Structure formats: C-alpha cells, structure tokens
Amino acid sequence: MRHLSLSLRPITGGLALALAAAAFAGDPCGDPTAGDCFAANGTPGCDDATCCTTVCNLDSFCCDVEWDDACVSYAAENCDATGNVCGDPAAGDCSVPNGTPGCDDAACCEAVCAIDAFCCEVEWDVTCAGSVGSACNGGGGGGGGGDLPNDDCADAIEIGEGDTAFTTVGATLDGPDLPGSCDEGYGTTFAPDVWYAITPVEDTGIIVSTCGQADYDTRLAAYAGCGGTLVACNDDGDGCPNLSSLMTFPAIAGETYLVRVGGYGTATGSGTLSVTFGDAPPPYPTEITPQWTVDDGGNGHYYANIRVPEGSTHADLQAAAAAVGGTLASATSPEETAFITDFVRVSEPG
C-alpha cells in the first residue's frame, strides 16, 4: 500500500493541497534531470545529491512534491554553491567563458573557485577560463613535492598577456636567494613560490603585476631561464596597495623568461597575476635618466649611474640594472663617455 502525505504550501493565488507519495518512485536527489538546487526547478528534488538530501531532511515537500522557492532558500542557507556548480555537465566547458557559474570538470572547477569564488558564485568568465592553465593543468603538483603543478621552475606554466589566477598556498620554495640589489629595505627572503613562463613573439617591454590583486604580501622576480640570470625583481610596487608587487623588464622576441611569484618572508596566499606587453615604464624616475639623442650624435638611449654596494658581483650589477628597467652598458666611444661624465649623475633609486 502507498502511504500518501498531505502537505499545505502557500503559492501565488492561495494555498495548494499537494498529495504525493511518501516513498518517491526513484530518488530525486542527484538526478541530473531534476534541475538546479539553487533555483525553483518545478520537479521534486535537485541535481546535487548532498544538497538535496540536506534540504529534504528539513522539508520533505522539496523531494515529495516540488523544489520551490522555499527549498531554494534552504539550499542557500545549508548547501555549498560551489559543490553544486562544479562538475555539472550543463555548466559548460572550463576552458572557455561559458556564461554560467562553475564548469563541467569538477576538480578543475573547484581548484579555480578556491582561488576566485566569483567563478562559482556568479559566472565562469574569461578570467576564470584563463586560470585553468595554472590551476588545473598538470594534475597534482610539481617535482618539488608541493601540491601545485607549477611549484618548480622546471614545471613553469606558459602564460601570455592577460590575467592568471594563482595561489602559493601549498607551494614549496624552489628559487635561489635574491641578490642584495633587490633589497628595498625589507631584506631579500623569498616565501614559497610558483613559476610561469613568458615568451614574447616580438621585442617588447613586459609588466608583471599583482598590484592590488593579492590577499598577501607578494614578491616577484624574473629570470632568463631556470637557474639563469635575474632580469627583474620587486617586493612592494610603487603605489600598489597591501604590499603587492609590480615588476617591469625589457624582453627579446623568442626568449623565454621565467617569472617567480612568491611572497615576503614566509607569506603565502592567492591573487591574480597580470601580464602586459608594450612600453614598460621603468620604476626608475625618467627625469633623472638623460637621453643621448640622435640629434646630438647619440644612440637615443637613456642612461643612469646607480650606486651599488662594495663587492657587488656581475650578477648583482645585472640585477640592479634590471630592477630599474635597464641593462648594463659599456661606453664604446669617447663621445659616449663624455656624455655620461657630463650629464649622468650617480643616483640611488628609491
């Protein structure tokens, strides 16, 4: 014998008498055709089995009769929206903006949404899709024993111009110590880091930034290959809030630059790494870098003399030049030497 339950429920226009089988023919919880748990779907139950069970234990009407607005309210209060949208085939491809919250690959979706909750709470947009490479590809961690696919320089993830969500939570420390020229007054320690590779197709300036886009004190560095020469570094970017970073350096077409994203001291966290190609203004004040103009018989370059600590190595000198957006230069003519002597004063950036 089927036992019928009687349920009263307010609906538009009055009260509805609902007769339903207490023992539903087939469990509606987790049925993909049942509809979204976070929207009134017109069917008994919803597509997230865990959420559905939780709500129906509070109000059996939601599974016996219909998943209505009251059921949605229970879901909003008691269920994790991220768990619902991640892995839903109807959510769309993770690798492209899909116009819905979440995406169809549950593991990838959860990894991205752990970095940027907007992707699961509002919409899987171009930033979410752009984060798939860093958050999802490579599976479960780099060779250094961390939990992240780009934990080691050798496993750096190739990125281009645009925004990439990142996290250093669970990373290990893979890079070398920074030289003294990178010390902006707070030492040169580098917290656990992750790595990205940038290969421009033409000569350009590159701006790499976490400026205002990280939840911890970040630090950046760039190298000409793993274990290669340091080409740029930054701790606290000029004007960047919350101790975030901004780094610039000139780049050569076809060369791969390894970008190291970490933090100050032992700090770890998450954020967005922005990469921009084009004219990269050096952090060094241009008003004290005179130009040897072509009209004056020069080469059009800007020059700066920078004070460095006694005993600095060649690598230290390269890093000091890179930190102000330049490269080491040698005078190749008496005219060039005269210009430097007459017009370029010794400066201490910062």
Protein backbone atom coordinates (compact mmCIF):
# COMPACT_ATOMS: atom_id res chain seq x y z
CA MET A 1 0.00 0.00 0.00
CA ARG A 2 1.29 3.51 -0.80
CA HIS A 3 1.08 5.90 2.08
CA LEU A 4 0.05 9.38 0.98
CA SER A 5 1.16 12.52 2.77
CA LEU A 6 -0.86 15.73 2.84
CA SER A 7 1.13 18.96 2.58
CA LEU A 8 -0.08 22.56 2.62
CA ARG A 9 2.12 25.10 0.87
CA PRO A 10 1.43 28.76 0.09
CA ILE A 11 1.66 29.57 -3.61
CA THR A 12 0.70 32.51 -5.76
CA GLY A 13 -3.03 32.95 -5.52
CA GLY A 14 -3.61 30.98 -2.30
CA LEU A 15 -2.89 27.57 -0.80
CA ALA A 16 -2.15 24.41 -2.70
CA LEU A 17 -3.14 20.98 -1.47
CA ALA A 18 -0.42 18.59 -2.50
CA LEU A 19 -0.86 14.85 -2.40
CA ALA A 20 2.34 12.95 -3.02
CA ALA A 21 3.73 9.52 -2.49
CA ALA A 22 5.86 9.49 0.63
CA ALA A 23 8.02 6.86 -0.95
CA PHE A 24 9.03 8.65 -4.16
CA ALA A 25 9.37 6.35 -7.13
CA GLY A 26 13.09 6.81 -7.66
CA ASP A 27 15.34 9.03 -5.56
CA PRO A 28 15.09 12.61 -6.94
CA CYS A 29 18.31 13.67 -5.21
CA GLY A 30 21.21 13.85 -7.60
CA ASP A 31 19.13 13.20 -10.72
CA PRO A 32 20.63 15.45 -13.46
CA THR A 33 17.15 15.97 -14.89
CA ALA A 34 15.78 17.20 -11.56
CA GLY A 35 17.09 20.73 -12.03
CA ASP A 36 19.28 23.18 -10.16
CA CYS A 37 19.21 23.16 -6.35
CA PHE A 38 19.60 26.93 -6.28
CA ALA A 39 16.60 27.70 -8.47
CA ALA A 40 12.94 26.74 -8.31
CA ASN A 41 13.00 23.91 -10.85
CA GLY A 42 9.43 22.59 -10.94
CA THR A 43 10.45 19.00 -10.14
CA PRO A 44 10.84 17.03 -6.93
CA GLY A 45 14.46 17.17 -5.71
CA CYS A 46 17.50 18.66 -7.43
CA ASP A 47 20.72 17.65 -9.17
CA ASP A 48 23.12 17.86 -6.20
CA ALA A 49 22.56 14.72 -4.13
CA THR A 50 24.20 16.04 -0.95
CA CYS A 51 22.41 19.38 -1.02
CA CYS A 52 19.12 17.76 -1.97
CA THR A 53 19.26 15.30 0.91
CA THR A 54 20.13 18.04 3.38
CA VAL A 55 17.19 20.20 2.31
CA CYS A 56 14.67 17.34 2.14
CA ASN A 57 15.59 16.29 5.66
CA LEU A 58 14.50 19.78 6.68
CA ASP A 59 11.40 19.87 4.47
CA SER A 60 10.21 16.68 2.75
CA PHE A 61 7.94 18.71 0.45
CA CYS A 62 11.06 19.55 -1.59
CA CYS A 63 11.56 15.90 -2.54
CA ASP A 64 7.98 14.66 -2.32
CA VAL A 65 6.27 17.36 -4.36
CA GLU A 66 8.30 20.19 -5.84
CA TRP A 67 11.56 22.08 -5.43
CA ASP A 68 10.16 25.59 -4.97
CA ASP A 69 11.40 28.93 -3.66
CA ALA A 70 11.32 27.75 -0.05
CA CYS A 71 13.56 24.82 -0.99
CA VAL A 72 15.93 27.21 -2.74
CA SER A 73 16.11 29.28 0.46
CA TYR A 74 17.02 26.14 2.44
CA ALA A 75 19.69 25.33 -0.13
CA ALA A 76 21.16 28.82 0.05
CA GLU A 77 21.41 28.55 3.84
CA ASN A 78 22.64 24.97 4.12
CA CYS A 79 24.45 23.99 0.92
CA ASP A 80 27.74 24.92 -0.70
CA ALA A 81 27.02 26.54 -4.04
CA THR A 82 30.49 25.63 -5.26
CA GLY A 83 29.77 21.94 -4.81
CA ASN A 84 26.63 22.26 -6.88
CA VAL A 85 28.04 24.01 -9.94
CA CYS A 86 31.34 22.16 -10.21
CA GLY A 87 31.08 19.12 -12.44
CA ASP A 88 27.61 19.92 -13.74
CA PRO A 89 27.62 18.97 -17.46
CA ALA A 90 25.20 21.80 -18.12
CA ALA A 91 27.61 24.35 -16.66
CA GLY A 92 29.82 24.42 -19.75
CA ASP A 93 33.44 23.90 -20.69
CA CYS A 94 36.04 25.00 -18.11
CA SER A 95 38.50 26.22 -20.74
CA VAL A 96 36.22 28.91 -22.20
CA PRO A 97 33.86 31.55 -20.76
CA ASN A 98 30.57 29.67 -20.51
CA GLY A 99 28.14 32.23 -19.09
CA THR A 100 27.18 30.11 -16.07
CA PRO A 101 28.59 29.67 -12.57
CA GLY A 102 31.13 26.83 -12.49
CA CYS A 103 32.11 24.38 -15.22
CA ASP A 104 31.85 20.72 -16.18
CA ASP A 105 35.15 19.43 -14.76
CA ALA A 106 34.57 19.13 -11.01
CA ALA A 107 38.23 19.01 -9.92
CA CYS A 108 39.30 21.88 -12.16
CA CYS A 109 36.25 23.95 -11.22
CA GLU A 110 36.94 23.53 -7.51
CA ALA A 111 40.63 24.46 -7.97
CA VAL A 112 39.78 27.67 -9.82
CA CYS A 113 36.95 28.63 -7.45
CA ALA A 114 39.24 28.14 -4.46
CA ILE A 115 41.29 30.99 -5.94
CA ASP A 116 38.43 33.11 -7.29
CA ALA A 117 34.99 32.44 -5.79
CA PHE A 118 33.37 34.70 -8.42
CA CYS A 119 33.78 31.85 -10.91
CA CYS A 120 31.36 29.64 -8.98
CA GLU A 121 29.16 32.23 -7.34
CA VAL A 122 28.47 34.50 -10.33
CA GLU A 123 29.86 33.49 -13.71
CA TRP A 124 32.64 31.49 -15.33
CA ASP A 125 34.10 34.40 -17.30
CA VAL A 126 37.27 35.00 -19.30
CA THR A 127 39.39 35.35 -16.14
CA CYS A 128 38.12 32.02 -14.80
CA ALA A 129 38.82 30.31 -18.13
CA GLY A 130 42.26 31.90 -18.22
CA SER A 131 43.03 30.43 -14.81
CA VAL A 132 42.51 26.87 -15.96
CA GLY A 133 46.09 26.59 -17.21
CA SER A 134 47.62 27.49 -13.86
CA ALA A 135 45.07 25.92 -11.53
CA CYS A 136 44.16 22.72 -13.37
CA ASN A 137 46.76 21.59 -15.89
CA GLY A 138 49.42 19.20 -14.72
CA GLY A 139 47.28 17.45 -12.13
CA GLY A 140 48.69 17.22 -8.69
CA GLY A 141 51.88 19.08 -8.11
CA GLY A 142 55.38 19.83 -9.22
CA GLY A 143 58.52 17.81 -8.80
CA GLY A 144 59.49 19.65 -5.64
CA GLY A 145 56.92 17.89 -3.53
CA GLY A 146 54.40 20.73 -3.31
CA ASP A 147 50.73 20.48 -4.12
CA LEU A 148 50.78 22.80 -7.14
CA PRO A 149 51.57 21.92 -10.77
CA ASN A 150 53.98 24.85 -11.21
CA ASP A 151 55.72 24.54 -7.85
CA ASP A 152 59.12 24.07 -9.55
CA CYS A 153 60.76 26.28 -12.15
CA ALA A 154 61.11 23.24 -14.41
CA ASP A 155 57.30 22.91 -14.37
CA ALA A 156 56.58 26.58 -15.10
CA ILE A 157 53.24 27.15 -16.82
CA GLU A 158 53.38 29.10 -20.08
CA ILE A 159 51.24 32.22 -19.99
CA GLY A 160 50.85 35.26 -22.19
CA GLU A 161 49.34 38.68 -21.94
CA GLY A 162 46.33 38.86 -19.64
CA ASP A 163 45.27 37.80 -16.15
CA THR A 164 46.03 34.48 -14.48
CA ALA A 165 44.72 33.42 -11.09
CA PHE A 166 47.44 31.97 -8.87
CA THR A 167 48.00 30.61 -5.42
CA THR A 168 51.15 29.82 -3.47
CA VAL A 169 49.25 28.02 -0.72
CA GLY A 170 50.78 24.55 -0.63
CA ALA A 171 53.86 25.59 -2.62
CA THR A 172 57.46 24.96 -1.63
CA LEU A 173 60.49 27.24 -2.04
CA ASP A 174 62.27 26.42 -5.28
CA GLY A 175 64.12 29.55 -6.41
CA PRO A 176 67.53 30.93 -5.41
CA ASP A 177 68.24 33.68 -2.92
CA LEU A 178 67.83 37.19 -4.27
CA PRO A 179 70.87 39.47 -4.55
CA GLY A 180 71.27 42.50 -2.31
CA SER A 181 70.27 44.79 -5.16
CA CYS A 182 66.68 43.51 -4.78
CA ASP A 183 66.54 44.65 -1.16
CA GLU A 184 64.02 47.51 -0.93
CA GLY A 185 64.59 47.85 2.79
CA TYR A 186 62.93 44.64 3.97
CA GLY A 187 65.54 42.02 3.12
CA THR A 188 65.68 39.53 0.28
CA THR A 189 63.93 36.47 1.71
CA PHE A 190 61.50 34.80 -0.65
CA ALA A 191 58.46 32.87 0.53
CA PRO A 192 57.23 29.64 -1.17
CA ASP A 193 56.91 30.29 -4.88
CA VAL A 194 55.23 29.20 -8.11
CA TRP A 195 56.51 29.71 -11.65
CA TYR A 196 55.25 30.97 -15.01
CA ALA A 197 56.99 31.21 -18.39
CA ILE A 198 56.55 34.11 -20.80
CA THR A 199 57.89 34.01 -24.37
CA PRO A 200 57.14 37.20 -26.33
CA VAL A 201 56.94 36.94 -30.12
CA GLU A 202 58.49 40.38 -30.61
CA ASP A 203 60.81 42.69 -28.74
CA THR A 204 58.72 44.39 -26.09
CA GLY A 205 58.53 45.60 -22.56
CA ILE A 206 56.80 43.32 -20.07
CA ILE A 207 54.89 44.45 -16.99
CA VAL A 208 54.15 41.72 -14.44
CA SER A 209 51.89 42.73 -11.59
CA THR A 210 49.94 41.59 -8.55
CA CYS A 211 49.23 45.25 -7.80
CA GLY A 212 46.05 45.42 -5.73
CA GLN A 213 45.18 41.87 -6.78
CA ALA A 214 46.54 39.65 -3.99
CA ASP A 215 45.47 38.78 -0.47
CA TYR A 216 49.01 38.71 0.95
CA ASP A 217 52.43 40.44 0.77
CA THR A 218 53.75 39.34 -2.64
CA ARG A 219 57.23 39.36 -4.14
CA LEU A 220 58.17 38.92 -7.82
CA ALA A 221 61.32 38.03 -9.74
CA ALA A 222 62.11 37.16 -13.36
CA TYR A 223 64.97 35.10 -14.75
CA ALA A 224 66.45 34.30 -18.15
CA GLY A 225 65.74 30.59 -17.76
CA CYS A 226 65.70 28.30 -14.74
CA GLY A 227 68.90 28.99 -12.83
CA GLY A 228 69.63 31.81 -15.27
CA THR A 229 70.40 35.47 -14.81
CA LEU A 230 67.99 37.54 -12.76
CA VAL A 231 66.46 40.18 -15.04
CA ALA A 232 64.00 41.90 -12.68
CA CYS A 233 62.66 41.84 -9.14
CA ASN A 234 60.15 43.71 -6.99
CA ASP A 235 58.82 43.49 -3.48
CA ASP A 236 56.38 46.37 -2.98
CA GLY A 237 55.25 48.08 -6.19
CA ASP A 238 55.10 51.86 -6.20
CA GLY A 239 51.52 52.83 -5.35
CA CYS A 240 50.36 49.21 -5.03
CA PRO A 241 48.10 48.58 -2.02
CA ASN A 242 48.53 45.86 0.58
CA LEU A 243 52.22 45.28 -0.16
CA SER A 244 51.52 43.88 -3.64
CA SER A 245 54.08 44.00 -6.44
CA LEU A 246 54.79 45.42 -9.91
CA MET A 247 57.82 44.44 -11.98
CA THR A 248 58.94 45.59 -15.43
CA PHE A 249 61.69 44.45 -17.77
CA PRO A 250 62.64 44.65 -21.46
CA ALA A 251 62.21 41.37 -23.34
CA ILE A 252 63.62 39.95 -26.58
CA ALA A 253 61.48 38.12 -29.13
CA GLY A 254 61.67 34.34 -28.79
CA GLU A 255 63.41 34.41 -25.41
CA THR A 256 61.65 32.67 -22.51
CA TYR A 257 61.52 34.49 -19.20
CA LEU A 258 60.70 32.62 -16.00
CA VAL A 259 58.51 34.62 -13.65
CA ARG A 260 58.67 33.67 -9.99
CA VAL A 261 55.67 34.55 -7.82
CA GLY A 262 56.13 34.33 -4.08
CA GLY A 263 55.91 36.46 -1.01
CA TYR A 264 57.79 38.33 1.67
CA GLY A 265 59.24 36.23 4.48
CA THR A 266 57.10 33.11 4.71
CA ALA A 267 53.84 34.66 3.45
CA THR A 268 51.63 32.67 1.09
CA GLY A 269 48.26 33.45 -0.45
CA SER A 270 46.32 33.85 -3.65
CA GLY A 271 45.62 36.51 -6.24
CA THR A 272 45.73 37.46 -9.89
CA LEU A 273 48.93 37.83 -11.90
CA SER A 274 48.58 40.40 -14.69
CA VAL A 275 50.93 40.44 -17.68
CA THR A 276 51.02 43.34 -20.13
CA PHE A 277 53.19 43.73 -23.24
CA GLY A 278 54.24 47.07 -24.69
CA ASP A 279 56.04 50.12 -23.44
CA ALA A 280 57.03 49.16 -19.91
CA PRO A 281 57.90 52.31 -17.99
CA PRO A 282 60.80 51.54 -15.67
CA PRO A 283 60.20 52.18 -11.98
CA TYR A 284 63.28 54.42 -12.14
CA PRO A 285 62.35 58.14 -12.40
CA THR A 286 62.79 59.11 -16.06
CA GLU A 287 63.53 62.70 -15.19
CA ILE A 288 66.96 61.67 -13.87
CA THR A 289 67.79 59.39 -16.81
CA PRO A 290 69.05 61.75 -19.53
CA GLN A 291 68.79 60.69 -23.17
CA TRP A 292 71.72 60.82 -25.57
CA THR A 293 69.61 61.90 -28.52
CA VAL A 294 70.26 61.11 -32.15
CA ASP A 295 70.15 64.83 -32.92
CA ASP A 296 73.15 65.26 -30.60
CA GLY A 297 75.04 62.46 -32.34
CA GLY A 298 73.94 59.79 -29.85
CA ASN A 299 72.13 56.47 -29.99
CA GLY A 300 68.78 57.52 -28.49
CA HIS A 301 69.38 55.56 -25.29
CA TYR A 302 68.72 56.73 -21.72
CA TYR A 303 71.48 56.46 -19.15
CA ALA A 304 71.68 56.15 -15.37
CA ASN A 305 74.57 55.65 -12.97
CA ILE A 306 73.41 53.64 -9.98
CA ARG A 307 75.24 53.31 -6.69
CA VAL A 308 75.75 49.64 -5.71
CA PRO A 309 77.27 48.09 -2.58
CA GLU A 310 81.01 47.49 -2.48
CA GLY A 311 81.90 43.95 -3.53
CA SER A 312 78.87 43.55 -5.84
CA THR A 313 79.21 40.72 -8.34
CA HIS A 314 78.43 40.92 -12.03
CA ALA A 315 75.14 39.19 -11.32
CA ASP A 316 74.38 41.87 -8.71
CA LEU A 317 75.07 44.57 -11.30
CA GLN A 318 72.80 42.90 -13.84
CA ALA A 319 70.05 42.66 -11.25
CA ALA A 320 70.47 46.30 -10.25
CA ALA A 321 70.11 47.37 -13.88
CA ALA A 322 67.09 45.13 -14.41
CA ALA A 323 65.42 46.44 -11.25
CA VAL A 324 65.24 49.91 -12.79
CA GLY A 325 64.13 48.66 -16.20
CA GLY A 326 67.52 48.75 -17.89
CA THR A 327 70.55 46.68 -18.87
CA LEU A 328 74.26 47.05 -18.21
CA ALA A 329 76.02 49.33 -20.69
CA SER A 330 79.63 49.91 -21.67
CA ALA A 331 80.78 53.16 -23.27
CA THR A 332 82.05 52.40 -26.78
CA SER A 333 83.29 55.81 -27.85
CA PRO A 334 84.89 58.95 -26.38
CA GLU A 335 81.67 60.83 -27.21
CA GLU A 336 79.56 58.37 -25.22
CA THR A 337 81.95 58.56 -22.29
CA ALA A 338 81.84 62.35 -22.37
CA PHE A 339 78.04 62.35 -22.36
CA ILE A 340 77.91 60.02 -19.35
CA THR A 341 80.52 62.01 -17.48
CA ASP A 342 78.91 65.37 -18.17
CA PHE A 343 75.21 64.62 -17.84
CA VAL A 344 74.55 61.40 -15.88
CA ARG A 345 74.73 61.79 -12.14
CA VAL A 346 75.10 58.92 -9.66
CA SER A 347 71.74 58.05 -8.14
CA GLU A 348 70.24 55.76 -5.56
CA PRO A 349 66.74 54.68 -6.72
CA GLY A 350 64.14 54.92 -4.00
